[in-house]
């Protein structure tokens, strides 16, 4: 007897326990806040304890972060659940918005535009990181805590960002270190504006100690500072990439900052990770996955 198969529309397994909201701000900039919560929760007003990961560039990071958190939950079902909050933009045809250059870079009095692929200056809007952090802390977080999860106790929080997002993570750590428990900076654009972010380090190191200190994870790909020629890539284009990578010093900048912060003892823990054979784009997935595991592993150390 021939078996007949029938396909019926269904809620995708990976799409369960997710929701999204568009947020219109007073500046007329519109944001997209995406939230996921443990698959074991039947509702969002469950009484539970959870860790929370906030990721900027949410369009590019949210689904991956959710998958990582849920895989970990399946391996450790007795641990607190993980909520993922992606802060991004209502995009249709891309995962990155030009708005990010404004939102993720720190305010400064002097600005040197970054170079484009052709080596020429490419000015961008900049300097909105402090406002964007205020938006996350004072608008997004209260909404998540009070409106979505009113009975959930948030145990520990983390902030993740890549590239300009990593720069935003460092700026938050150096200027408002009590905002999050763990800071995960992947391929941070320390090079931006003549390494302006490093001028924030002395201010951070002069802060008086608190009872709880945050943790930091720095990561980057081995091919970011030392690119490998791609198949069929013209030699001239490859040489331009090599020159640009040498100027941006991704590995050296991260290593120098790591050594400075470790010596300062102003952080509870600092981890540095180089991902072999990964470039600026391909490193996102392992850095995000590794960063989340680092954040969740810290729970074991604290218990």
C-alpha atoms as a PDB file:
ATOM      1  CA  UNK A   1       0.000   0.000   0.000  1.00  0.00           C
ATOM      2  CA  UNK A   2       1.390   3.354  -1.022  1.00  0.00           C
ATOM      3  CA  UNK A   3       1.793   5.802   1.863  1.00  0.00           C
ATOM      4  CA  UNK A   4       0.568   9.351   1.298  1.00  0.00           C
ATOM      5  CA  UNK A   5       2.450  12.243   2.828  1.00  0.00           C
ATOM      6  CA  UNK A   6       0.786  15.526   3.670  1.00  0.00           C
ATOM      7  CA  UNK A   7       2.487  18.813   4.517  1.00  0.00           C
ATOM      8  CA  UNK A   8       0.557  21.293   6.680  1.00  0.00           C
ATOM      9  CA  UNK A   9       1.719  24.765   7.770  1.00  0.00           C
ATOM     10  CA  UNK A  10       3.149  24.764  11.281  1.00  0.00           C
ATOM     11  CA  UNK A  11       4.854  27.102  13.676  1.00  0.00           C
ATOM     12  CA  UNK A  12       8.564  26.558  13.109  1.00  0.00           C
ATOM     13  CA  UNK A  13      10.372  24.903  15.977  1.00  0.00           C
ATOM     14  CA  UNK A  14      13.101  27.526  16.046  1.00  0.00           C
ATOM     15  CA  UNK A  15      10.512  30.303  15.916  1.00  0.00           C
ATOM     16  CA  UNK A  16       8.732  29.325  19.106  1.00  0.00           C
ATOM     17  CA  UNK A  17       8.993  31.505  22.204  1.00  0.00           C
ATOM     18  CA  UNK A  18      10.082  34.561  20.248  1.00  0.00           C
ATOM     19  CA  UNK A  19       8.538  37.986  19.777  1.00  0.00           C
ATOM     20  CA  UNK A  20       9.494  41.329  18.289  1.00  0.00           C
ATOM     21  CA  UNK A  21       8.507  44.959  18.765  1.00  0.00           C
ATOM     22  CA  UNK A  22       9.214  48.070  16.729  1.00  0.00           C
ATOM     23  CA  UNK A  23      10.126  51.058  18.881  1.00  0.00           C
ATOM     24  CA  UNK A  24       9.669  54.629  17.681  1.00  0.00           C
ATOM     25  CA  UNK A  25      11.852  57.040  19.611  1.00  0.00           C
ATOM     26  CA  UNK A  26      11.516  60.754  20.173  1.00  0.00           C
ATOM     27  CA  UNK A  27      14.307  61.316  17.674  1.00  0.00           C
ATOM     28  CA  UNK A  28      12.180  59.579  15.026  1.00  0.00           C
ATOM     29  CA  UNK A  29      14.679  56.747  14.729  1.00  0.00           C
ATOM     30  CA  UNK A  30      12.929  53.384  14.704  1.00  0.00           C
ATOM     31  CA  UNK A  31      14.371  50.296  16.362  1.00  0.00           C
ATOM     32  CA  UNK A  32      13.500  46.626  16.398  1.00  0.00           C
ATOM     33  CA  UNK A  33      13.655  44.743  19.687  1.00  0.00           C
ATOM     34  CA  UNK A  34      13.607  40.955  19.326  1.00  0.00           C
ATOM     35  CA  UNK A  35      13.268  38.719  22.372  1.00  0.00           C
ATOM     36  CA  UNK A  36      13.501  34.961  22.865  1.00  0.00           C
ATOM     37  CA  UNK A  37      13.013  32.929  26.019  1.00  0.00           C
ATOM     38  CA  UNK A  38      13.512  29.285  27.052  1.00  0.00           C
ATOM     39  CA  UNK A  39      11.538  26.685  25.117  1.00  0.00           C
ATOM     40  CA  UNK A  40      10.533  25.092  28.414  1.00  0.00           C
ATOM     41  CA  UNK A  41       8.502  28.166  29.389  1.00  0.00           C
ATOM     42  CA  UNK A  42       4.830  27.926  28.480  1.00  0.00           C
ATOM     43  CA  UNK A  43       4.317  31.655  29.020  1.00  0.00           C
ATOM     44  CA  UNK A  44       6.349  34.788  29.593  1.00  0.00           C
ATOM     45  CA  UNK A  45       4.900  35.586  33.014  1.00  0.00           C
ATOM     46  CA  UNK A  46       6.350  32.394  34.469  1.00  0.00           C
ATOM     47  CA  UNK A  47       7.989  32.686  37.886  1.00  0.00           C
ATOM     48  CA  UNK A  48      11.614  31.840  37.165  1.00  0.00           C
ATOM     49  CA  UNK A  49      15.212  32.973  37.307  1.00  0.00           C
ATOM     50  CA  UNK A  50      17.026  33.745  34.048  1.00  0.00           C
ATOM     51  CA  UNK A  51      20.220  35.202  32.674  1.00  0.00           C
ATOM     52  CA  UNK A  52      19.828  37.847  29.970  1.00  0.00           C
ATOM     53  CA  UNK A  53      22.028  38.544  26.953  1.00  0.00           C
ATOM     54  CA  UNK A  54      21.633  41.863  25.120  1.00  0.00           C
ATOM     55  CA  UNK A  55      23.068  41.977  21.595  1.00  0.00           C
ATOM     56  CA  UNK A  56      23.422  45.093  19.458  1.00  0.00           C
ATOM     57  CA  UNK A  57      23.140  44.705  15.676  1.00  0.00           C
ATOM     58  CA  UNK A  58      20.291  42.442  16.665  1.00  0.00           C
ATOM     59  CA  UNK A  59      19.248  41.686  13.078  1.00  0.00           C
ATOM     60  CA  UNK A  60      22.567  39.904  12.520  1.00  0.00           C
ATOM     61  CA  UNK A  61      23.021  38.388  15.998  1.00  0.00           C
ATOM     62  CA  UNK A  62      19.644  37.523  17.507  1.00  0.00           C
ATOM     63  CA  UNK A  63      18.876  34.187  15.859  1.00  0.00           C
ATOM     64  CA  UNK A  64      22.397  32.844  16.294  1.00  0.00           C
ATOM     65  CA  UNK A  65      22.463  33.898  19.941  1.00  0.00           C
ATOM     66  CA  UNK A  66      19.080  32.264  20.506  1.00  0.00           C
ATOM     67  CA  UNK A  67      20.232  29.004  18.933  1.00  0.00           C
ATOM     68  CA  UNK A  68      23.366  28.929  21.098  1.00  0.00           C
ATOM     69  CA  UNK A  69      21.411  29.619  24.283  1.00  0.00           C
ATOM     70  CA  UNK A  70      18.871  26.915  23.488  1.00  0.00           C
ATOM     71  CA  UNK A  71      21.481  24.300  22.673  1.00  0.00           C
ATOM     72  CA  UNK A  72      23.114  25.017  26.013  1.00  0.00           C
ATOM     73  CA  UNK A  73      19.766  24.727  27.766  1.00  0.00           C
ATOM     74  CA  UNK A  74      19.280  21.240  26.328  1.00  0.00           C
ATOM     75  CA  UNK A  75      22.627  20.209  27.831  1.00  0.00           C
ATOM     76  CA  UNK A  76      21.986  21.888  31.189  1.00  0.00           C
ATOM     77  CA  UNK A  77      18.217  21.727  31.803  1.00  0.00           C
ATOM     78  CA  UNK A  78      18.519  22.362  35.540  1.00  0.00           C
ATOM     79  CA  UNK A  79      20.320  25.679  35.182  1.00  0.00           C
ATOM     80  CA  UNK A  80      18.540  29.057  34.946  1.00  0.00           C
ATOM     81  CA  UNK A  81      17.160  29.783  31.508  1.00  0.00           C
ATOM     82  CA  UNK A  82      18.578  32.360  29.128  1.00  0.00           C
ATOM     83  CA  UNK A  83      16.680  35.277  27.619  1.00  0.00           C
ATOM     84  CA  UNK A  84      18.141  36.859  24.478  1.00  0.00           C
ATOM     85  CA  UNK A  85      17.359  40.467  23.568  1.00  0.00           C
ATOM     86  CA  UNK A  86      18.455  41.749  20.170  1.00  0.00           C
ATOM     87  CA  UNK A  87      18.418  45.503  19.585  1.00  0.00           C
ATOM     88  CA  UNK A  88      18.419  46.278  15.889  1.00  0.00           C
ATOM     89  CA  UNK A  89      16.421  47.981  13.163  1.00  0.00           C
ATOM     90  CA  UNK A  90      13.245  47.151  11.172  1.00  0.00           C
ATOM     91  CA  UNK A  91      15.127  46.059   8.060  1.00  0.00           C
ATOM     92  CA  UNK A  92      13.831  43.985   5.165  1.00  0.00           C
ATOM     93  CA  UNK A  93      16.747  43.470   2.787  1.00  0.00           C
ATOM     94  CA  UNK A  94      19.801  43.601   5.046  1.00  0.00           C
ATOM     95  CA  UNK A  95      21.000  42.714   8.538  1.00  0.00           C
ATOM     96  CA  UNK A  96      22.942  45.961   9.008  1.00  0.00           C
ATOM     97  CA  UNK A  97      21.671  49.537   9.075  1.00  0.00           C
ATOM     98  CA  UNK A  98      23.717  52.687   8.358  1.00  0.00           C
ATOM     99  CA  UNK A  99      22.235  53.966  11.640  1.00  0.00           C
ATOM    100  CA  UNK A 100      24.665  51.697  13.505  1.00  0.00           C
ATOM    101  CA  UNK A 101      27.633  53.985  12.816  1.00  0.00           C
ATOM    102  CA  UNK A 102      25.873  56.682  14.850  1.00  0.00           C
ATOM    103  CA  UNK A 103      24.447  54.455  17.573  1.00  0.00           C
ATOM    104  CA  UNK A 104      27.564  52.407  18.286  1.00  0.00           C
ATOM    105  CA  UNK A 105      30.370  54.989  18.252  1.00  0.00           C
ATOM    106  CA  UNK A 106      31.264  57.181  21.248  1.00  0.00           C
ATOM    107  CA  UNK A 107      30.874  60.970  21.295  1.00  0.00           C
ATOM    108  CA  UNK A 108      34.113  62.846  20.692  1.00  0.00           C
ATOM    109  CA  UNK A 109      35.367  66.353  19.968  1.00  0.00           C
ATOM    110  CA  UNK A 110      37.658  65.333  17.111  1.00  0.00           C
ATOM    111  CA  UNK A 111      36.735  62.904  14.344  1.00  0.00           C
ATOM    112  CA  UNK A 112      38.900  61.224  11.723  1.00  0.00           C
ATOM    113  CA  UNK A 113      36.692  59.391   9.190  1.00  0.00           C
ATOM    114  CA  UNK A 114      37.466  55.716   8.552  1.00  0.00           C
ATOM    115  CA  UNK A 115      38.900  54.694   5.217  1.00  0.00           C
ATOM    116  CA  UNK A 116      36.698  52.925   2.706  1.00  0.00           C
ATOM    117  CA  UNK A 117      37.775  49.893   0.653  1.00  0.00           C
ATOM    118  CA  UNK A 118      39.387  52.260  -1.866  1.00  0.00           C
ATOM    119  CA  UNK A 119      41.567  53.845   0.813  1.00  0.00           C
ATOM    120  CA  UNK A 120      39.752  57.183   0.741  1.00  0.00           C
ATOM    121  CA  UNK A 121      38.085  58.746   3.820  1.00  0.00           C
ATOM    122  CA  UNK A 122      34.459  57.719   4.232  1.00  0.00           C
ATOM    123  CA  UNK A 123      32.717  60.010   6.739  1.00  0.00           C
ATOM    124  CA  UNK A 124      29.814  58.500   8.676  1.00  0.00           C
ATOM    125  CA  UNK A 125      27.405  59.758  11.339  1.00  0.00           C
ATOM    126  CA  UNK A 126      29.015  59.159  14.719  1.00  0.00           C
ATOM    127  CA  UNK A 127      28.909  59.839  18.435  1.00  0.00           C
ATOM    128  CA  UNK A 128      25.550  58.442  19.594  1.00  0.00           C
ATOM    129  CA  UNK A 129      26.743  55.603  21.840  1.00  0.00           C
ATOM    130  CA  UNK A 130      25.874  57.301  25.132  1.00  0.00           C
ATOM    131  CA  UNK A 131      22.343  58.063  23.945  1.00  0.00           C
ATOM    132  CA  UNK A 132      21.942  54.536  22.584  1.00  0.00           C
ATOM    133  CA  UNK A 133      23.062  53.015  25.891  1.00  0.00           C
ATOM    134  CA  UNK A 134      20.529  55.201  27.694  1.00  0.00           C
ATOM    135  CA  UNK A 135      17.860  53.912  25.307  1.00  0.00           C
ATOM    136  CA  UNK A 136      18.813  50.313  26.124  1.00  0.00           C
ATOM    137  CA  UNK A 137      19.059  50.859  29.880  1.00  0.00           C
ATOM    138  CA  UNK A 138      16.089  53.154  30.399  1.00  0.00           C
ATOM    139  CA  UNK A 139      13.637  52.105  27.691  1.00  0.00           C
ATOM    140  CA  UNK A 140      14.362  48.579  26.477  1.00  0.00           C
ATOM    141  CA  UNK A 141      15.369  46.919  29.735  1.00  0.00           C
ATOM    142  CA  UNK A 142      12.381  48.156  31.789  1.00  0.00           C
ATOM    143  CA  UNK A 143      10.039  47.057  28.986  1.00  0.00           C
ATOM    144  CA  UNK A 144      11.585  43.590  28.899  1.00  0.00           C
ATOM    145  CA  UNK A 145      11.528  43.238  32.681  1.00  0.00           C
ATOM    146  CA  UNK A 146       8.113  44.737  33.445  1.00  0.00           C
ATOM    147  CA  UNK A 147       5.993  44.176  30.356  1.00  0.00           C
ATOM    148  CA  UNK A 148       7.297  40.852  29.008  1.00  0.00           C
ATOM    149  CA  UNK A 149       8.684  39.009  32.033  1.00  0.00           C
ATOM    150  CA  UNK A 150       7.041  40.587  35.114  1.00  0.00           C
ATOM    151  CA  UNK A 151       7.643  37.541  37.324  1.00  0.00           C
ATOM    152  CA  UNK A 152      11.121  36.609  36.127  1.00  0.00           C
ATOM    153  CA  UNK A 153      14.113  37.449  38.272  1.00  0.00           C
ATOM    154  CA  UNK A 154      17.079  38.489  36.160  1.00  0.00           C
ATOM    155  CA  UNK A 155      20.169  36.846  37.634  1.00  0.00           C
ATOM    156  CA  UNK A 156      23.038  38.069  35.467  1.00  0.00           C
ATOM    157  CA  UNK A 157      23.255  40.197  32.326  1.00  0.00           C
ATOM    158  CA  UNK A 158      25.665  40.398  29.397  1.00  0.00           C
ATOM    159  CA  UNK A 159      26.206  42.804  26.512  1.00  0.00           C
ATOM    160  CA  UNK A 160      27.493  41.496  23.165  1.00  0.00           C
ATOM    161  CA  UNK A 161      28.698  43.459  20.165  1.00  0.00           C
ATOM    162  CA  UNK A 162      30.877  42.873  17.102  1.00  0.00           C
ATOM    163  CA  UNK A 163      33.027  45.427  15.235  1.00  0.00           C
ATOM    164  CA  UNK A 164      31.388  48.806  15.920  1.00  0.00           C
ATOM    165  CA  UNK A 165      29.236  46.808  18.315  1.00  0.00           C
ATOM    166  CA  UNK A 166      32.406  45.680  20.094  1.00  0.00           C
ATOM    167  CA  UNK A 167      33.466  49.311  20.301  1.00  0.00           C
ATOM    168  CA  UNK A 168      30.088  50.069  21.876  1.00  0.00           C
ATOM    169  CA  UNK A 169      30.638  47.281  24.407  1.00  0.00           C
ATOM    170  CA  UNK A 170      34.010  48.733  25.418  1.00  0.00           C
ATOM    171  CA  UNK A 171      32.628  52.267  25.646  1.00  0.00           C
ATOM    172  CA  UNK A 172      29.865  50.998  27.936  1.00  0.00           C
ATOM    173  CA  UNK A 173      32.366  49.133  30.100  1.00  0.00           C
ATOM    174  CA  UNK A 174      34.683  52.128  30.438  1.00  0.00           C
ATOM    175  CA  UNK A 175      31.996  54.763  31.041  1.00  0.00           C
ATOM    176  CA  UNK A 176      29.175  52.871  32.812  1.00  0.00           C
ATOM    177  CA  UNK A 177      30.708  49.584  34.006  1.00  0.00           C
ATOM    178  CA  UNK A 178      27.835  48.672  36.330  1.00  0.00           C
ATOM    179  CA  UNK A 179      25.364  48.459  33.434  1.00  0.00           C
ATOM    180  CA  UNK A 180      26.065  44.756  32.822  1.00  0.00           C
ATOM    181  CA  UNK A 181      27.797  41.883  34.567  1.00  0.00           C
ATOM    182  CA  UNK A 182      29.680  40.596  31.516  1.00  0.00           C
ATOM    183  CA  UNK A 183      30.949  42.452  28.454  1.00  0.00           C
ATOM    184  CA  UNK A 184      31.584  40.466  25.266  1.00  0.00           C
ATOM    185  CA  UNK A 185      33.510  42.487  22.672  1.00  0.00           C
ATOM    186  CA  UNK A 186      34.115  40.630  19.410  1.00  0.00           C
ATOM    187  CA  UNK A 187      36.549  42.225  16.950  1.00  0.00           C
ATOM    188  CA  UNK A 188      36.074  45.627  18.606  1.00  0.00           C
ATOM    189  CA  UNK A 189      36.881  48.599  16.367  1.00  0.00           C
ATOM    190  CA  UNK A 190      39.522  49.961  18.724  1.00  0.00           C
ATOM    191  CA  UNK A 191      41.158  51.555  15.673  1.00  0.00           C
ATOM    192  CA  UNK A 192      38.166  53.900  15.192  1.00  0.00           C
ATOM    193  CA  UNK A 193      38.976  57.620  15.255  1.00  0.00           C
ATOM    194  CA  UNK A 194      42.675  57.141  15.975  1.00  0.00           C
ATOM    195  CA  UNK A 195      41.948  54.685  18.821  1.00  0.00           C
ATOM    196  CA  UNK A 196      39.844  57.234  20.652  1.00  0.00           C
ATOM    197  CA  UNK A 197      38.273  54.570  22.889  1.00  0.00           C
ATOM    198  CA  UNK A 198      41.611  54.067  24.655  1.00  0.00           C
ATOM    199  CA  UNK A 199      41.343  57.594  26.080  1.00  0.00           C
ATOM    200  CA  UNK A 200      38.474  56.221  28.186  1.00  0.00           C
ATOM    201  CA  UNK A 201      40.639  53.608  29.891  1.00  0.00           C
ATOM    202  CA  UNK A 202      42.298  55.918  32.484  1.00  0.00           C
ATOM    203  CA  UNK A 203      38.870  57.160  33.572  1.00  0.00           C
ATOM    204  CA  UNK A 204      37.754  53.562  34.031  1.00  0.00           C
ATOM    205  CA  UNK A 205      40.875  52.613  35.990  1.00  0.00           C
ATOM    206  CA  UNK A 206      40.481  55.602  38.318  1.00  0.00           C
ATOM    207  CA  UNK A 207      37.032  54.503  39.449  1.00  0.00           C
ATOM    208  CA  UNK A 208      36.841  53.339  43.036  1.00  0.00           C
ATOM    209  CA  UNK A 209      36.344  49.629  43.470  1.00  0.00           C
ATOM    210  CA  UNK A 210      32.866  48.194  43.964  1.00  0.00           C
ATOM    211  CA  UNK A 211      31.704  45.027  45.665  1.00  0.00           C
ATOM    212  CA  UNK A 212      31.073  43.411  42.294  1.00  0.00           C
ATOM    213  CA  UNK A 213      33.334  43.822  39.294  1.00  0.00           C
ATOM    214  CA  UNK A 214      32.321  43.031  35.711  1.00  0.00           C
ATOM    215  CA  UNK A 215      33.979  40.489  33.451  1.00  0.00           C
ATOM    216  CA  UNK A 216      35.223  41.042  29.901  1.00  0.00           C
ATOM    217  CA  UNK A 217      35.810  38.759  26.938  1.00  0.00           C
ATOM    218  CA  UNK A 218      37.809  40.037  23.965  1.00  0.00           C
ATOM    219  CA  UNK A 219      37.978  38.027  20.748  1.00  0.00           C
ATOM    220  CA  UNK A 220      39.082  38.421  17.145  1.00  0.00           C
ATOM    221  CA  UNK A 221      39.971  36.369  14.075  1.00  0.00           C
ATOM    222  CA  UNK A 222      43.571  35.554  13.183  1.00  0.00           C
ATOM    223  CA  UNK A 223      43.037  36.787   9.615  1.00  0.00           C
ATOM    224  CA  UNK A 224      41.807  40.228  10.634  1.00  0.00           C
ATOM    225  CA  UNK A 225      45.246  41.782  11.044  1.00  0.00           C
ATOM    226  CA  UNK A 226      46.931  39.290   8.743  1.00  0.00           C
ATOM    227  CA  UNK A 227      44.604  38.677   5.765  1.00  0.00           C
ATOM    228  CA  UNK A 228      44.995  35.696   3.464  1.00  0.00           C
ATOM    229  CA  UNK A 229      44.617  36.249  -0.247  1.00  0.00           C
ATOM    230  CA  UNK A 230      41.275  34.981  -1.500  1.00  0.00           C
ATOM    231  CA  UNK A 231      40.911  32.784  -4.535  1.00  0.00           C
ATOM    232  CA  UNK A 232      40.799  34.858  -7.699  1.00  0.00           C
ATOM    233  CA  UNK A 233      41.379  38.068  -5.720  1.00  0.00           C
ATOM    234  CA  UNK A 234      43.389  40.620  -7.737  1.00  0.00           C
ATOM    235  CA  UNK A 235      46.780  41.293  -6.205  1.00  0.00           C
ATOM    236  CA  UNK A 236      46.125  45.038  -6.012  1.00  0.00           C
ATOM    237  CA  UNK A 237      42.922  44.526  -4.030  1.00  0.00           C
ATOM    238  CA  UNK A 238      44.626  42.069  -1.697  1.00  0.00           C
ATOM    239  CA  UNK A 239      47.476  44.491  -1.050  1.00  0.00           C
ATOM    240  CA  UNK A 240      44.965  47.218  -0.171  1.00  0.00           C
ATOM    241  CA  UNK A 241      43.329  44.877   2.334  1.00  0.00           C
ATOM    242  CA  UNK A 242      46.706  44.028   3.843  1.00  0.00           C
ATOM    243  CA  UNK A 243      47.528  47.714   4.218  1.00  0.00           C
ATOM    244  CA  UNK A 244      44.177  48.522   5.799  1.00  0.00           C
ATOM    245  CA  UNK A 245      44.444  45.577   8.202  1.00  0.00           C
ATOM    246  CA  UNK A 246      47.932  46.655   9.248  1.00  0.00           C
ATOM    247  CA  UNK A 247      46.638  50.132  10.088  1.00  0.00           C
ATOM    248  CA  UNK A 248      43.705  48.807  12.098  1.00  0.00           C
ATOM    249  CA  UNK A 249      45.875  46.414  14.172  1.00  0.00           C
ATOM    250  CA  UNK A 250      42.993  44.243  15.335  1.00  0.00           C
ATOM    251  CA  UNK A 251      45.124  41.616  17.084  1.00  0.00           C
ATOM    252  CA  UNK A 252      47.655  44.066  18.502  1.00  0.00           C
ATOM    253  CA  UNK A 253      44.980  46.435  19.794  1.00  0.00           C
ATOM    254  CA  UNK A 254      43.065  43.631  21.516  1.00  0.00           C
ATOM    255  CA  UNK A 255      46.222  42.116  22.985  1.00  0.00           C
ATOM    256  CA  UNK A 256      47.497  45.463  24.268  1.00  0.00           C
ATOM    257  CA  UNK A 257      44.157  46.259  25.889  1.00  0.00           C
ATOM    258  CA  UNK A 258      43.937  42.784  27.386  1.00  0.00           C
ATOM    259  CA  UNK A 259      47.346  43.077  29.046  1.00  0.00           C
ATOM    260  CA  UNK A 260      46.537  46.542  30.383  1.00  0.00           C
ATOM    261  CA  UNK A 261      43.231  45.461  31.900  1.00  0.00           C
ATOM    262  CA  UNK A 262      44.595  42.239  33.375  1.00  0.00           C
ATOM    263  CA  UNK A 263      47.347  44.188  35.119  1.00  0.00           C
ATOM    264  CA  UNK A 264      44.864  46.738  36.478  1.00  0.00           C
ATOM    265  CA  UNK A 265      42.810  44.179  38.431  1.00  0.00           C
ATOM    266  CA  UNK A 266      39.718  46.348  37.879  1.00  0.00           C
ATOM    267  CA  UNK A 267      37.805  43.433  36.389  1.00  0.00           C
ATOM    268  CA  UNK A 268      36.722  40.211  38.017  1.00  0.00           C
ATOM    269  CA  UNK A 269      37.994  38.296  34.977  1.00  0.00           C
ATOM    270  CA  UNK A 270      39.321  39.054  31.503  1.00  0.00           C
ATOM    271  CA  UNK A 271      39.531  36.515  28.700  1.00  0.00           C
ATOM    272  CA  UNK A 272      41.174  36.915  25.305  1.00  0.00           C
ATOM    273  CA  UNK A 273      40.507  34.542  22.417  1.00  0.00           C
ATOM    274  CA  UNK A 274      41.938  34.432  18.910  1.00  0.00           C
ATOM    275  CA  UNK A 275      39.978  32.350  16.406  1.00  0.00           C
ATOM    276  CA  UNK A 276      42.289  30.770  13.862  1.00  0.00           C
ATOM    277  CA  UNK A 277      41.544  31.137  10.146  1.00  0.00           C
ATOM    278  CA  UNK A 278      38.657  33.542  10.743  1.00  0.00           C
ATOM    279  CA  UNK A 279      38.377  37.027   9.261  1.00  0.00           C
ATOM    280  CA  UNK A 280      36.302  40.010  10.366  1.00  0.00           C
ATOM    281  CA  UNK A 281      33.057  38.594   9.021  1.00  0.00           C
ATOM    282  CA  UNK A 282      33.466  34.871   9.582  1.00  0.00           C
ATOM    283  CA  UNK A 283      34.541  35.292  13.207  1.00  0.00           C
ATOM    284  CA  UNK A 284      31.088  36.476  14.270  1.00  0.00           C
ATOM    285  CA  UNK A 285      29.541  33.043  14.758  1.00  0.00           C
ATOM    286  CA  UNK A 286      32.335  31.471  16.846  1.00  0.00           C
ATOM    287  CA  UNK A 287      32.853  34.687  18.810  1.00  0.00           C
ATOM    288  CA  UNK A 288      29.145  34.951  19.608  1.00  0.00           C
ATOM    289  CA  UNK A 289      28.878  31.287  20.536  1.00  0.00           C
ATOM    290  CA  UNK A 290      32.069  31.359  22.584  1.00  0.00           C
ATOM    291  CA  UNK A 291      31.060  34.588  24.272  1.00  0.00           C
ATOM    292  CA  UNK A 292      27.711  33.193  25.365  1.00  0.00           C
ATOM    293  CA  UNK A 293      29.347  30.021  26.702  1.00  0.00           C
ATOM    294  CA  UNK A 294      31.858  32.168  28.581  1.00  0.00           C
ATOM    295  CA  UNK A 295      29.034  34.186  30.114  1.00  0.00           C
ATOM    296  CA  UNK A 296      27.039  31.126  31.131  1.00  0.00           C
ATOM    297  CA  UNK A 297      30.112  29.302  32.469  1.00  0.00           C
ATOM    298  CA  UNK A 298      30.734  32.179  34.870  1.00  0.00           C
ATOM    299  CA  UNK A 299      27.553  31.147  36.626  1.00  0.00           C
ATOM    300  CA  UNK A 300      29.258  27.913  37.693  1.00  0.00           C
ATOM    301  CA  UNK A 301      32.179  29.868  39.133  1.00  0.00           C
ATOM    302  CA  UNK A 302      29.820  32.124  41.095  1.00  0.00           C
ATOM    303  CA  UNK A 303      27.778  29.270  42.532  1.00  0.00           C
END
